């Protein structure tokens, strides 16, 4: 039986994500507070998991300290 306290983070396809993975955006995303739009297909490397299984932290080329929803990502 799996540990009930363990929370697993999944991408939009249901693939398990872990710290240090690379992900690709599946949708153009406007970044709040900036004029930057991250385009579909952008590769984001070295992600960090958060306490919320629906969000990850990462650094994109143009934006540092970014939090992205996992529903807009797929594992690269």
PDB file of N, CA and C in Angstrom:
ATOM      1  N   UNK A   1       0.834  -1.180   0.000  1.00  0.00           N
ATOM      2  CA  UNK A   1       0.000   0.000   0.000  1.00  0.00           C
ATOM      3  C   UNK A   1       0.874   1.237   0.000  1.00  0.00           C
ATOM      4  N   UNK A   2       0.565   2.216  -0.829  1.00  0.00           N
ATOM      5  CA  UNK A   2       1.353   3.436  -0.943  1.00  0.00           C
ATOM      6  C   UNK A   2       1.135   4.334   0.266  1.00  0.00           C
ATOM      7  N   UNK A   3       2.149   5.140   0.543  1.00  0.00           N
ATOM      8  CA  UNK A   3       2.066   6.083   1.652  1.00  0.00           C
ATOM      9  C   UNK A   3       1.070   7.189   1.289  1.00  0.00           C
ATOM     10  N   UNK A   4       0.058   7.397   2.110  1.00  0.00           N
ATOM     11  CA  UNK A   4      -0.976   8.383   1.811  1.00  0.00           C
ATOM     12  C   UNK A   4      -0.470   9.819   1.925  1.00  0.00           C
ATOM     13  N   UNK A   5       0.615  10.038   2.693  1.00  0.00           N
ATOM     14  CA  UNK A   5       1.149  11.387   2.870  1.00  0.00           C
ATOM     15  C   UNK A   5       1.969  11.845   1.670  1.00  0.00           C
ATOM     16  N   UNK A   6       2.412  10.904   0.848  1.00  0.00           N
ATOM     17  CA  UNK A   6       3.237  11.247  -0.304  1.00  0.00           C
ATOM     18  C   UNK A   6       2.360  11.834  -1.408  1.00  0.00           C
ATOM     19  N   UNK A   7       2.736  13.019  -1.870  1.00  0.00           N
ATOM     20  CA  UNK A   7       1.995  13.672  -2.948  1.00  0.00           C
ATOM     21  C   UNK A   7       2.826  13.591  -4.211  1.00  0.00           C
ATOM     22  N   UNK A   8       2.230  13.119  -5.292  1.00  0.00           N
ATOM     23  CA  UNK A   8       2.941  12.952  -6.547  1.00  0.00           C
ATOM     24  C   UNK A   8       2.472  14.022  -7.522  1.00  0.00           C
ATOM     25  N   UNK A   9       3.432  14.705  -8.141  1.00  0.00           N
ATOM     26  CA  UNK A   9       3.140  15.752  -9.109  1.00  0.00           C
ATOM     27  C   UNK A   9       3.166  15.147 -10.504  1.00  0.00           C
ATOM     28  N   UNK A  10       2.111  15.417 -11.288  1.00  0.00           N
ATOM     29  CA  UNK A  10       1.987  14.883 -12.642  1.00  0.00           C
ATOM     30  C   UNK A  10       1.877  16.034 -13.641  1.00  0.00           C
ATOM     31  N   UNK A  11       2.350  15.793 -14.878  1.00  0.00           N
ATOM     32  CA  UNK A  11       2.179  16.781 -15.939  1.00  0.00           C
ATOM     33  C   UNK A  11       0.800  16.614 -16.576  1.00  0.00           C
ATOM     34  N   UNK A  12       0.550  17.318 -17.675  1.00  0.00           N
ATOM     35  CA  UNK A  12      -0.767  17.276 -18.313  1.00  0.00           C
ATOM     36  C   UNK A  12      -1.101  15.899 -18.882  1.00  0.00           C
ATOM     37  N   UNK A  13      -0.099  15.081 -19.154  1.00  0.00           N
ATOM     38  CA  UNK A  13      -0.321  13.735 -19.696  1.00  0.00           C
ATOM     39  C   UNK A  13      -0.359  12.664 -18.618  1.00  0.00           C
ATOM     40  N   UNK A  14      -0.161  13.049 -17.366  1.00  0.00           N
ATOM     41  CA  UNK A  14      -0.181  12.085 -16.276  1.00  0.00           C
ATOM     42  C   UNK A  14       1.175  11.483 -15.951  1.00  0.00           C
ATOM     43  N   UNK A  15       2.244  11.980 -16.578  1.00  0.00           N
ATOM     44  CA  UNK A  15       3.588  11.499 -16.310  1.00  0.00           C
ATOM     45  C   UNK A  15       4.108  12.099 -15.011  1.00  0.00           C
ATOM     46  N   UNK A  16       4.743  11.277 -14.183  1.00  0.00           N
ATOM     47  CA  UNK A  16       5.258  11.746 -12.893  1.00  0.00           C
ATOM     48  C   UNK A  16       6.414  12.722 -13.112  1.00  0.00           C
ATOM     49  N   UNK A  17       6.402  13.831 -12.374  1.00  0.00           N
ATOM     50  CA  UNK A  17       7.478  14.819 -12.420  1.00  0.00           C
ATOM     51  C   UNK A  17       8.277  14.754 -11.131  1.00  0.00           C
ATOM     52  N   UNK A  18       9.586  15.047 -11.228  1.00  0.00           N
ATOM     53  CA  UNK A  18      10.423  15.101 -10.043  1.00  0.00           C
ATOM     54  C   UNK A  18      11.386  16.279 -10.170  1.00  0.00           C
ATOM     55  N   UNK A  19      12.028  16.638  -9.058  1.00  0.00           N
ATOM     56  CA  UNK A  19      12.979  17.751  -9.058  1.00  0.00           C
ATOM     57  C   UNK A  19      14.066  17.521 -10.098  1.00  0.00           C
ATOM     58  N   UNK A  20      14.397  18.585 -10.851  1.00  0.00           N
ATOM     59  CA  UNK A  20      15.462  18.510 -11.839  1.00  0.00           C
ATOM     60  C   UNK A  20      15.014  18.103 -13.227  1.00  0.00           C
ATOM     61  N   UNK A  21      13.754  17.738 -13.403  1.00  0.00           N
ATOM     62  CA  UNK A  21      13.248  17.358 -14.724  1.00  0.00           C
ATOM     63  C   UNK A  21      13.189  18.568 -15.650  1.00  0.00           C
ATOM     64  N   UNK A  22      13.112  18.295 -16.936  1.00  0.00           N
ATOM     65  CA  UNK A  22      12.868  19.320 -17.945  1.00  0.00           C
ATOM     66  C   UNK A  22      11.448  19.147 -18.464  1.00  0.00           C
ATOM     67  N   UNK A  23      10.757  20.270 -18.692  1.00  0.00           N
ATOM     68  CA  UNK A  23       9.389  20.226 -19.192  1.00  0.00           C
ATOM     69  C   UNK A  23       9.245  21.175 -20.379  1.00  0.00           C
ATOM     70  N   UNK A  24       8.210  20.936 -21.174  1.00  0.00           N
ATOM     71  CA  UNK A  24       7.896  21.766 -22.333  1.00  0.00           C
ATOM     72  C   UNK A  24       6.506  22.350 -22.149  1.00  0.00           C
ATOM     73  N   UNK A  25       6.329  23.615 -22.501  1.00  0.00           N
ATOM     74  CA  UNK A  25       5.014  24.254 -22.409  1.00  0.00           C
ATOM     75  C   UNK A  25       4.131  23.759 -23.544  1.00  0.00           C
ATOM     76  N   UNK A  26       2.860  23.523 -23.255  1.00  0.00           N
ATOM     77  CA  UNK A  26       1.927  23.058 -24.289  1.00  0.00           C
ATOM     78  C   UNK A  26       0.963  24.164 -24.710  1.00  0.00           C
ATOM     79  N   UNK A  27       1.143  25.373 -24.151  1.00  0.00           N
ATOM     80  CA  UNK A  27       0.255  26.493 -24.443  1.00  0.00           C
ATOM     81  C   UNK A  27       1.035  27.788 -24.248  1.00  0.00           C
ATOM     82  N   UNK A  28       0.731  28.816 -25.062  1.00  0.00           N
ATOM     83  CA  UNK A  28       1.324  30.138 -24.844  1.00  0.00           C
ATOM     84  C   UNK A  28       0.819  30.683 -23.510  1.00  0.00           C
ATOM     85  N   UNK A  29       1.729  31.176 -22.685  1.00  0.00           N
ATOM     86  CA  UNK A  29       1.356  31.690 -21.369  1.00  0.00           C
ATOM     87  C   UNK A  29       1.851  33.111 -21.195  1.00  0.00           C
ATOM     88  N   UNK A  30       0.954  34.017 -20.841  1.00  0.00           N
ATOM     89  CA  UNK A  30       1.333  35.385 -20.506  1.00  0.00           C
ATOM     90  C   UNK A  30       1.758  35.405 -19.047  1.00  0.00           C
ATOM     91  N   UNK A  31       2.888  36.047 -18.764  1.00  0.00           N
ATOM     92  CA  UNK A  31       3.404  36.110 -17.402  1.00  0.00           C
ATOM     93  C   UNK A  31       2.879  37.383 -16.749  1.00  0.00           C
ATOM     94  N   UNK A  32       2.126  37.216 -15.656  1.00  0.00           N
ATOM     95  CA  UNK A  32       1.546  38.368 -14.965  1.00  0.00           C
ATOM     96  C   UNK A  32       2.642  39.284 -14.442  1.00  0.00           C
ATOM     97  N   UNK A  33       2.416  40.587 -14.557  1.00  0.00           N
ATOM     98  CA  UNK A  33       3.356  41.574 -14.050  1.00  0.00           C
ATOM     99  C   UNK A  33       4.471  41.913 -15.014  1.00  0.00           C
ATOM    100  N   UNK A  34       4.494  41.269 -16.181  1.00  0.00           N
ATOM    101  CA  UNK A  34       5.506  41.554 -17.194  1.00  0.00           C
ATOM    102  C   UNK A  34       4.830  41.618 -18.559  1.00  0.00           C
ATOM    103  N   UNK A  35       5.612  41.994 -19.559  1.00  0.00           N
ATOM    104  CA  UNK A  35       5.087  41.995 -20.929  1.00  0.00           C
ATOM    105  C   UNK A  35       5.542  40.734 -21.676  1.00  0.00           C
ATOM    106  N   UNK A  36       6.061  39.766 -20.945  1.00  0.00           N
ATOM    107  CA  UNK A  36       6.610  38.547 -21.537  1.00  0.00           C
ATOM    108  C   UNK A  36       5.511  37.511 -21.769  1.00  0.00           C
ATOM    109  N   UNK A  37       5.567  36.856 -22.936  1.00  0.00           N
ATOM    110  CA  UNK A  37       4.715  35.710 -23.220  1.00  0.00           C
ATOM    111  C   UNK A  37       5.622  34.528 -23.495  1.00  0.00           C
ATOM    112  N   UNK A  38       5.458  33.461 -22.730  1.00  0.00           N
ATOM    113  CA  UNK A  38       6.213  32.233 -22.969  1.00  0.00           C
ATOM    114  C   UNK A  38       5.477  31.434 -24.037  1.00  0.00           C
ATOM    115  N   UNK A  39       6.156  31.117 -25.106  1.00  0.00           N
ATOM    116  CA  UNK A  39       5.538  30.458 -26.256  1.00  0.00           C
ATOM    117  C   UNK A  39       5.419  28.955 -26.059  1.00  0.00           C
ATOM    118  N   UNK A  40       4.439  28.367 -26.724  1.00  0.00           N
ATOM    119  CA  UNK A  40       4.261  26.920 -26.720  1.00  0.00           C
ATOM    120  C   UNK A  40       5.529  26.264 -27.258  1.00  0.00           C
ATOM    121  N   UNK A  41       5.963  25.189 -26.629  1.00  0.00           N
ATOM    122  CA  UNK A  41       7.171  24.496 -27.061  1.00  0.00           C
ATOM    123  C   UNK A  41       8.425  24.953 -26.339  1.00  0.00           C
ATOM    124  N   UNK A  42       8.322  25.979 -25.479  1.00  0.00           N
ATOM    125  CA  UNK A  42       9.476  26.451 -24.727  1.00  0.00           C
ATOM    126  C   UNK A  42       9.929  25.369 -23.750  1.00  0.00           C
ATOM    127  N   UNK A  43      11.220  25.086 -23.753  1.00  0.00           N
ATOM    128  CA  UNK A  43      11.788  24.092 -22.854  1.00  0.00           C
ATOM    129  C   UNK A  43      12.226  24.775 -21.561  1.00  0.00           C
ATOM    130  N   UNK A  44      11.765  24.254 -20.452  1.00  0.00           N
ATOM    131  CA  UNK A  44      12.142  24.762 -19.135  1.00  0.00           C
ATOM    132  C   UNK A  44      12.896  23.645 -18.430  1.00  0.00           C
ATOM    133  N   UNK A  45      14.148  23.927 -18.054  1.00  0.00           N
ATOM    134  CA  UNK A  45      15.004  22.907 -17.447  1.00  0.00           C
ATOM    135  C   UNK A  45      15.062  23.073 -15.939  1.00  0.00           C
ATOM    136  N   UNK A  46      15.400  21.983 -15.256  1.00  0.00           N
ATOM    137  CA  UNK A  46      15.692  21.978 -13.829  1.00  0.00           C
ATOM    138  C   UNK A  46      14.540  22.537 -12.991  1.00  0.00           C
ATOM    139  N   UNK A  47      13.374  21.914 -13.083  1.00  0.00           N
ATOM    140  CA  UNK A  47      12.216  22.373 -12.314  1.00  0.00           C
ATOM    141  C   UNK A  47      12.356  21.970 -10.846  1.00  0.00           C
ATOM    142  N   UNK A  48      11.619  22.653  -9.980  1.00  0.00           N
ATOM    143  CA  UNK A  48      11.564  22.333  -8.560  1.00  0.00           C
ATOM    144  C   UNK A  48      10.112  22.135  -8.170  1.00  0.00           C
ATOM    145  N   UNK A  49       9.826  21.062  -7.468  1.00  0.00           N
ATOM    146  CA  UNK A  49       8.465  20.787  -7.019  1.00  0.00           C
ATOM    147  C   UNK A  49       8.126  21.671  -5.832  1.00  0.00           C
ATOM    148  N   UNK A  50       6.843  21.994  -5.681  1.00  0.00           N
ATOM    149  CA  UNK A  50       6.372  22.791  -4.556  1.00  0.00           C
ATOM    150  C   UNK A  50       5.484  21.925  -3.669  1.00  0.00           C
ATOM    151  N   UNK A  51       5.002  22.498  -2.576  1.00  0.00           N
ATOM    152  CA  UNK A  51       4.087  21.770  -1.695  1.00  0.00           C
ATOM    153  C   UNK A  51       2.746  21.515  -2.372  1.00  0.00           C
ATOM    154  N   UNK A  52       2.428  22.304  -3.397  1.00  0.00           N
ATOM    155  CA  UNK A  52       1.187  22.145  -4.161  1.00  0.00           C
ATOM    156  C   UNK A  52       1.468  21.270  -5.380  1.00  0.00           C
ATOM    157  N   UNK A  53       0.777  20.151  -5.505  1.00  0.00           N
ATOM    158  CA  UNK A  53       1.046  19.228  -6.612  1.00  0.00           C
ATOM    159  C   UNK A  53       0.617  19.779  -7.968  1.00  0.00           C
ATOM    160  N   UNK A  54      -0.122  20.875  -7.990  1.00  0.00           N
ATOM    161  CA  UNK A  54      -0.565  21.454  -9.260  1.00  0.00           C
ATOM    162  C   UNK A  54       0.378  22.558  -9.749  1.00  0.00           C
ATOM    163  N   UNK A  55       1.482  22.812  -9.024  1.00  0.00           N
ATOM    164  CA  UNK A  55       2.400  23.886  -9.402  1.00  0.00           C
ATOM    165  C   UNK A  55       3.845  23.431  -9.277  1.00  0.00           C
ATOM    166  N   UNK A  56       4.709  24.031 -10.131  1.00  0.00           N
ATOM    167  CA  UNK A  56       6.154  23.826 -10.040  1.00  0.00           C
ATOM    168  C   UNK A  56       6.828  25.193 -10.063  1.00  0.00           C
ATOM    169  N   UNK A  57       8.054  25.258  -9.563  1.00  0.00           N
ATOM    170  CA  UNK A  57       8.862  26.469  -9.651  1.00  0.00           C
ATOM    171  C   UNK A  57       9.949  26.225 -10.685  1.00  0.00           C
ATOM    172  N   UNK A  58      10.317  27.297 -11.414  1.00  0.00           N
ATOM    173  CA  UNK A  58      11.358  27.158 -12.426  1.00  0.00           C
ATOM    174  C   UNK A  58      11.901  28.532 -12.798  1.00  0.00           C
ATOM    175  N   UNK A  59      12.953  28.516 -13.609  1.00  0.00           N
ATOM    176  CA  UNK A  59      13.513  29.723 -14.184  1.00  0.00           C
ATOM    177  C   UNK A  59      13.474  29.570 -15.697  1.00  0.00           C
ATOM    178  N   UNK A  60      12.738  30.449 -16.373  1.00  0.00           N
ATOM    179  CA  UNK A  60      12.716  30.452 -17.834  1.00  0.00           C
ATOM    180  C   UNK A  60      13.789  31.421 -18.318  1.00  0.00           C
ATOM    181  N   UNK A  61      14.051  31.439 -19.615  1.00  0.00           N
ATOM    182  CA  UNK A  61      15.090  32.316 -20.160  1.00  0.00           C
ATOM    183  C   UNK A  61      14.849  33.778 -19.813  1.00  0.00           C
ATOM    184  N   UNK A  62      13.610  34.212 -19.900  1.00  0.00           N
ATOM    185  CA  UNK A  62      13.291  35.627 -19.720  1.00  0.00           C
ATOM    186  C   UNK A  62      12.813  35.965 -18.317  1.00  0.00           C
ATOM    187  N   UNK A  63      12.342  34.981 -17.558  1.00  0.00           N
ATOM    188  CA  UNK A  63      11.734  35.239 -16.252  1.00  0.00           C
ATOM    189  C   UNK A  63      12.337  34.295 -15.212  1.00  0.00           C
ATOM    190  N   UNK A  64      12.789  34.860 -14.108  1.00  0.00           N
ATOM    191  CA  UNK A  64      13.356  34.059 -13.020  1.00  0.00           C
ATOM    192  C   UNK A  64      12.332  33.945 -11.896  1.00  0.00           C
ATOM    193  N   UNK A  65      12.360  32.829 -11.174  1.00  0.00           N
ATOM    194  CA  UNK A  65      11.454  32.636 -10.050  1.00  0.00           C
ATOM    195  C   UNK A  65      10.010  32.473 -10.475  1.00  0.00           C
ATOM    196  N   UNK A  66       9.787  31.712 -11.516  1.00  0.00           N
ATOM    197  CA  UNK A  66       8.469  31.546 -12.109  1.00  0.00           C
ATOM    198  C   UNK A  66       7.752  30.342 -11.495  1.00  0.00           C
ATOM    199  N   UNK A  67       6.447  30.468 -11.266  1.00  0.00           N
ATOM    200  CA  UNK A  67       5.625  29.350 -10.812  1.00  0.00           C
ATOM    201  C   UNK A  67       4.652  29.025 -11.935  1.00  0.00           C
ATOM    202  N   UNK A  68       4.680  27.758 -12.384  1.00  0.00           N
ATOM    203  CA  UNK A  68       3.820  27.328 -13.491  1.00  0.00           C
ATOM    204  C   UNK A  68       2.873  26.232 -13.030  1.00  0.00           C
ATOM    205  N   UNK A  69       1.685  26.222 -13.599  1.00  0.00           N
ATOM    206  CA  UNK A  69       0.699  25.165 -13.333  1.00  0.00           C
ATOM    207  C   UNK A  69       1.084  23.939 -14.164  1.00  0.00           C
ATOM    208  N   UNK A  70       0.974  22.772 -13.567  1.00  0.00           N
ATOM    209  CA  UNK A  70       1.367  21.544 -14.264  1.00  0.00           C
ATOM    210  C   UNK A  70       0.416  21.188 -15.402  1.00  0.00           C
ATOM    211  N   UNK A  71      -0.770  21.746 -15.422  1.00  0.00           N
ATOM    212  CA  UNK A  71      -1.722  21.451 -16.502  1.00  0.00           C
ATOM    213  C   UNK A  71      -1.267  22.013 -17.848  1.00  0.00           C
ATOM    214  N   UNK A  72      -0.263  22.921 -17.842  1.00  0.00           N
ATOM    215  CA  UNK A  72       0.237  23.521 -19.076  1.00  0.00           C
ATOM    216  C   UNK A  72       1.607  22.969 -19.459  1.00  0.00           C
ATOM    217  N   UNK A  73       2.015  21.853 -18.866  1.00  0.00           N
ATOM    218  CA  UNK A  73       3.353  21.305 -19.092  1.00  0.00           C
ATOM    219  C   UNK A  73       3.293  19.857 -19.512  1.00  0.00           C
ATOM    220  N   UNK A  74       4.329  19.429 -20.237  1.00  0.00           N
ATOM    221  CA  UNK A  74       4.540  18.003 -20.464  1.00  0.00           C
ATOM    222  C   UNK A  74       6.026  17.722 -20.278  1.00  0.00           C
ATOM    223  N   UNK A  75       6.330  16.548 -19.779  1.00  0.00           N
ATOM    224  CA  UNK A  75       7.710  16.180 -19.498  1.00  0.00           C
ATOM    225  C   UNK A  75       8.479  16.054 -20.810  1.00  0.00           C
ATOM    226  N   UNK A  76       9.679  16.628 -20.838  1.00  0.00           N
ATOM    227  CA  UNK A  76      10.489  16.592 -22.052  1.00  0.00           C
ATOM    228  C   UNK A  76      11.337  15.340 -22.110  1.00  0.00           C
TER     229      UNK A  76
END
